[in-house]
């Protein structure tokens, strides 16, 4: 999947990738039932048509059981924002999580340099995440994360390129578990997609999202 700032993951492809996929499937078949149910909910979630989501290889050694998705907000043949969502599960629980599940995310998009210089931008971006969860009535705990602004200026042979600024949100939170110890991962995925849409500058998906602050003057979309 092409991304607004380049690919989030660089797959080697070929036989190695096929072997990894088969290994992941075997591990998923032997995973605890709550984790399998949470992953099934992620796979069956219905999302906005502008957001393309696909499985990707999860990072290793973060938890006994992991599942990952990457996404891009697409407008025609252009990507407006991209991100990754990782589901972690430790049946024994985790003191820092205060639960057995954890969601970890990375979201990024390119901005106008003037917008990136706004001193309130980090607080606004964090409110997009918490607001997306609250709008859907989700309960969660132990949120943490960072909002990073980065600017690039080009010189010499690259001096014809305009200055570029990027916003990046890295965050994690503990979804509250429901029946059978399974969190509503489909709703959390939908909230995460709402965040992606906000960062991309898309209008709210429905009247319930109208109170969430949208991003003005975002940088033009990147070709895929």
Protein backbone atom coordinates (compact mmCIF):
# COMPACT_ATOMS: atom_id res chain seq x y z
CA UNK A 1 0.00 0.00 0.00
CA UNK A 2 1.42 3.37 -0.95
CA UNK A 3 1.55 5.91 1.86
CA UNK A 4 1.43 9.68 2.08
CA UNK A 5 5.06 9.81 3.19
CA UNK A 6 6.34 6.53 1.76
CA UNK A 7 5.57 2.97 2.69
CA UNK A 8 5.10 2.15 6.35
CA UNK A 9 6.35 -1.37 5.74
CA UNK A 10 8.72 -2.67 3.13
CA UNK A 11 7.89 -6.30 2.41
CA UNK A 12 10.55 -8.43 0.79
CA UNK A 13 7.91 -10.40 -1.06
CA UNK A 14 8.44 -13.80 -2.62
CA UNK A 15 8.68 -17.11 -0.79
CA UNK A 16 9.86 -15.58 2.53
CA UNK A 17 6.74 -13.42 2.75
CA UNK A 18 4.52 -16.39 1.92
CA UNK A 19 6.19 -18.45 4.65
CA UNK A 20 5.71 -15.63 7.16
CA UNK A 21 2.03 -15.38 6.26
CA UNK A 22 1.53 -19.12 6.72
CA UNK A 23 3.35 -18.96 10.06
CA UNK A 24 1.11 -16.12 11.19
CA UNK A 25 -1.98 -18.14 10.26
CA UNK A 26 -0.78 -21.14 12.26
CA UNK A 27 -0.07 -18.95 15.27
CA UNK A 28 -3.50 -17.33 14.97
CA UNK A 29 -5.18 -20.74 14.96
CA UNK A 30 -3.52 -21.65 18.28
CA UNK A 31 -3.96 -18.25 19.96
CA UNK A 32 -6.31 -17.84 22.96
CA UNK A 33 -9.99 -17.50 22.12
CA UNK A 34 -10.31 -13.84 23.30
CA UNK A 35 -7.47 -12.81 21.00
CA UNK A 36 -8.92 -14.72 18.06
CA UNK A 37 -12.31 -13.10 18.64
CA UNK A 38 -10.71 -9.64 18.82
CA UNK A 39 -8.84 -10.25 15.55
CA UNK A 40 -11.98 -11.57 13.84
CA UNK A 41 -13.79 -8.36 14.83
CA UNK A 42 -11.01 -6.29 13.27
CA UNK A 43 -11.21 -8.27 10.04
CA UNK A 44 -15.00 -7.89 9.78
CA UNK A 45 -15.24 -4.17 10.62
CA UNK A 46 -17.00 -1.93 8.08
CA UNK A 47 -15.07 1.27 7.44
CA UNK A 48 -15.28 4.47 5.43
CA UNK A 49 -14.75 3.85 1.70
CA UNK A 50 -11.94 6.42 1.55
CA UNK A 51 -9.81 4.35 3.92
CA UNK A 52 -7.97 1.31 2.58
CA UNK A 53 -6.96 -1.17 5.29
CA UNK A 54 -4.92 -4.34 4.96
CA UNK A 55 -3.09 -6.71 7.32
CA UNK A 56 0.64 -6.26 7.76
CA UNK A 57 3.31 -8.16 9.63
CA UNK A 58 3.19 -7.15 13.31
CA UNK A 59 6.32 -6.17 15.25
CA UNK A 60 7.87 -8.96 17.29
CA UNK A 61 8.49 -9.32 21.01
CA UNK A 62 5.94 -6.72 22.12
CA UNK A 63 3.48 -9.30 23.44
CA UNK A 64 2.82 -13.05 23.23
CA UNK A 65 0.11 -12.43 20.60
CA UNK A 66 0.03 -9.60 18.08
CA UNK A 67 -1.95 -8.54 15.01
CA UNK A 68 -1.38 -5.47 12.85
CA UNK A 69 -3.15 -3.43 10.19
CA UNK A 70 -1.94 -0.57 8.03
CA UNK A 71 -4.16 1.95 6.31
CA UNK A 72 -4.14 4.87 3.92
CA UNK A 73 -6.75 7.56 3.39
CA UNK A 74 -7.27 7.55 -0.37
CA UNK A 75 -8.75 10.18 -2.65
CA UNK A 76 -8.73 8.92 -6.24
CA UNK A 77 -5.13 7.92 -6.94
CA UNK A 78 -3.69 9.97 -4.06
CA UNK A 79 -2.95 9.10 -0.42
CA UNK A 80 -3.78 11.84 2.11
CA UNK A 81 -2.56 10.15 5.32
CA UNK A 82 -1.40 6.76 6.49
CA UNK A 83 -1.02 4.77 9.67
CA UNK A 84 -0.62 1.47 11.45
CA UNK A 85 -2.67 -0.10 14.25
CA UNK A 86 -1.27 -2.99 16.30
CA UNK A 87 -3.29 -5.18 18.67
CA UNK A 88 -1.31 -6.72 21.54
CA UNK A 89 -2.51 -9.47 23.87
CA UNK A 90 -0.92 -10.97 26.96
CA UNK A 91 -3.26 -13.49 28.65
CA UNK A 92 -1.33 -13.07 31.91
CA UNK A 93 -2.01 -9.35 31.96
CA UNK A 94 0.44 -6.47 31.98
CA UNK A 95 0.95 -4.05 34.87
CA UNK A 96 1.60 -1.06 32.61
CA UNK A 97 -1.48 -1.82 30.50
CA UNK A 98 -3.82 -2.54 33.42
CA UNK A 99 -5.40 -5.21 31.23
CA UNK A 100 -4.65 -8.06 28.84
CA UNK A 101 -5.04 -6.10 25.58
CA UNK A 102 -3.30 -3.00 24.26
CA UNK A 103 -3.69 -0.98 21.06
CA UNK A 104 -0.67 0.81 19.62
CA UNK A 105 -0.85 3.24 16.72
CA UNK A 106 1.15 5.40 14.37
CA UNK A 107 -0.62 8.03 12.23
CA UNK A 108 1.05 10.58 9.99
CA UNK A 109 0.32 13.17 7.31
CA UNK A 110 1.96 16.11 5.59
CA UNK A 111 0.96 19.67 6.56
CA UNK A 112 1.41 23.22 5.43
CA UNK A 113 4.53 24.59 7.21
CA UNK A 114 2.45 27.43 8.66
CA UNK A 115 0.03 24.98 10.23
CA UNK A 116 2.87 22.86 11.59
CA UNK A 117 4.26 25.96 13.36
CA UNK A 118 1.04 26.45 15.37
CA UNK A 119 2.06 26.03 19.05
CA UNK A 120 -1.30 24.42 19.87
CA UNK A 121 -1.06 21.76 17.16
CA UNK A 122 0.21 18.93 19.43
CA UNK A 123 -2.66 19.42 21.90
CA UNK A 124 -5.19 19.56 19.07
CA UNK A 125 -3.82 16.37 17.50
CA UNK A 126 -4.01 14.52 20.81
CA UNK A 127 -7.61 15.70 21.20
CA UNK A 128 -8.40 14.15 17.81
CA UNK A 129 -7.43 10.74 19.21
CA UNK A 130 -9.29 11.03 22.52
CA UNK A 131 -12.25 12.70 20.81
CA UNK A 132 -12.52 9.89 18.25
CA UNK A 133 -12.73 7.32 21.05
CA UNK A 134 -15.19 9.35 23.12
CA UNK A 135 -17.44 10.10 20.16
CA UNK A 136 -18.09 6.37 19.76
CA UNK A 137 -18.66 5.93 23.48
CA UNK A 138 -15.61 3.74 24.02
CA UNK A 139 -14.02 3.26 27.44
CA UNK A 140 -10.26 2.86 27.68
CA UNK A 141 -7.42 3.30 30.12
CA UNK A 142 -3.74 4.14 30.47
CA UNK A 143 -3.47 6.34 27.35
CA UNK A 144 0.00 7.55 26.42
CA UNK A 145 1.70 8.91 23.36
CA UNK A 146 3.59 11.62 21.51
CA UNK A 147 2.80 14.15 18.80
CA UNK A 148 5.81 15.06 16.67
CA UNK A 149 6.27 17.81 14.12
CA UNK A 150 9.07 17.60 11.57
CA UNK A 151 10.07 20.01 8.81
CA UNK A 152 12.28 19.46 5.77
CA UNK A 153 13.98 22.23 3.77
CA UNK A 154 15.76 21.44 0.52
CA UNK A 155 19.01 22.91 -0.80
CA UNK A 156 21.40 22.62 -3.74
CA UNK A 157 20.13 20.24 -6.39
CA UNK A 158 16.90 19.81 -4.41
CA UNK A 159 16.26 23.51 -3.87
CA UNK A 160 13.29 23.55 -6.27
CA UNK A 161 11.29 21.37 -3.88
CA UNK A 162 8.98 23.25 -1.52
CA UNK A 163 9.54 22.96 2.21
CA UNK A 164 7.60 20.06 3.72
CA UNK A 165 6.20 19.55 7.22
CA UNK A 166 4.86 16.34 8.72
CA UNK A 167 2.75 15.54 11.75
CA UNK A 168 3.12 12.16 13.43
CA UNK A 169 0.97 10.75 16.23
CA UNK A 170 2.21 7.75 18.18
CA UNK A 171 -0.10 6.48 20.89
CA UNK A 172 -1.28 3.48 22.86
CA UNK A 173 -4.24 2.73 25.10
CA UNK A 174 -5.93 -0.16 26.84
CA UNK A 175 -9.38 -1.04 25.45
CA UNK A 176 -11.80 -2.11 28.15
CA UNK A 177 -12.73 -5.78 27.91
CA UNK A 178 -16.32 -6.89 27.48
CA UNK A 179 -18.02 -10.29 27.52
CA UNK A 180 -15.56 -13.16 27.52
CA UNK A 181 -12.69 -10.76 28.14
CA UNK A 182 -12.89 -9.45 24.55
CA UNK A 183 -12.68 -5.70 23.82
CA UNK A 184 -14.79 -4.13 21.07
CA UNK A 185 -11.90 -3.96 18.64
CA UNK A 186 -14.14 -3.21 15.66
CA UNK A 187 -15.32 0.01 17.33
CA UNK A 188 -11.76 0.93 18.29
CA UNK A 189 -10.70 0.38 14.67
CA UNK A 190 -13.54 2.62 13.48
CA UNK A 191 -12.40 5.32 15.95
CA UNK A 192 -8.85 4.99 14.71
CA UNK A 193 -10.10 5.44 11.14
CA UNK A 194 -11.94 8.56 12.32
CA UNK A 195 -8.57 9.86 13.55
CA UNK A 196 -6.96 9.06 10.19
CA UNK A 197 -9.76 10.94 8.43
CA UNK A 198 -9.27 13.95 10.72
CA UNK A 199 -5.55 14.07 10.03
CA UNK A 200 -6.22 13.74 6.29
CA UNK A 201 -8.65 16.68 6.40
CA UNK A 202 -11.77 14.70 5.42
CA UNK A 203 -15.17 15.96 6.62
CA UNK A 204 -16.80 14.10 9.54
CA UNK A 205 -18.42 10.79 8.64
CA UNK A 206 -21.71 11.71 10.29
CA UNK A 207 -23.51 14.20 12.54
CA UNK A 208 -22.07 12.54 15.63
CA UNK A 209 -18.56 13.55 14.58
CA UNK A 210 -19.32 17.18 13.80
CA UNK A 211 -17.86 18.49 17.08
CA UNK A 212 -14.39 17.10 16.37
CA UNK A 213 -11.90 19.75 15.25
CA UNK A 214 -10.82 19.34 11.63
CA UNK A 215 -7.45 20.24 10.18
CA UNK A 216 -7.42 23.36 7.96
CA UNK A 217 -4.91 24.09 5.22
CA UNK A 218 -3.33 20.65 5.09
CA UNK A 219 -0.69 20.18 2.44
CA UNK A 220 -1.70 18.95 -0.99
CA UNK A 221 -2.12 15.18 -1.42
CA UNK A 222 0.77 13.01 -2.49
CA UNK A 223 0.62 10.89 -5.62
CA UNK A 224 0.50 7.16 -5.02
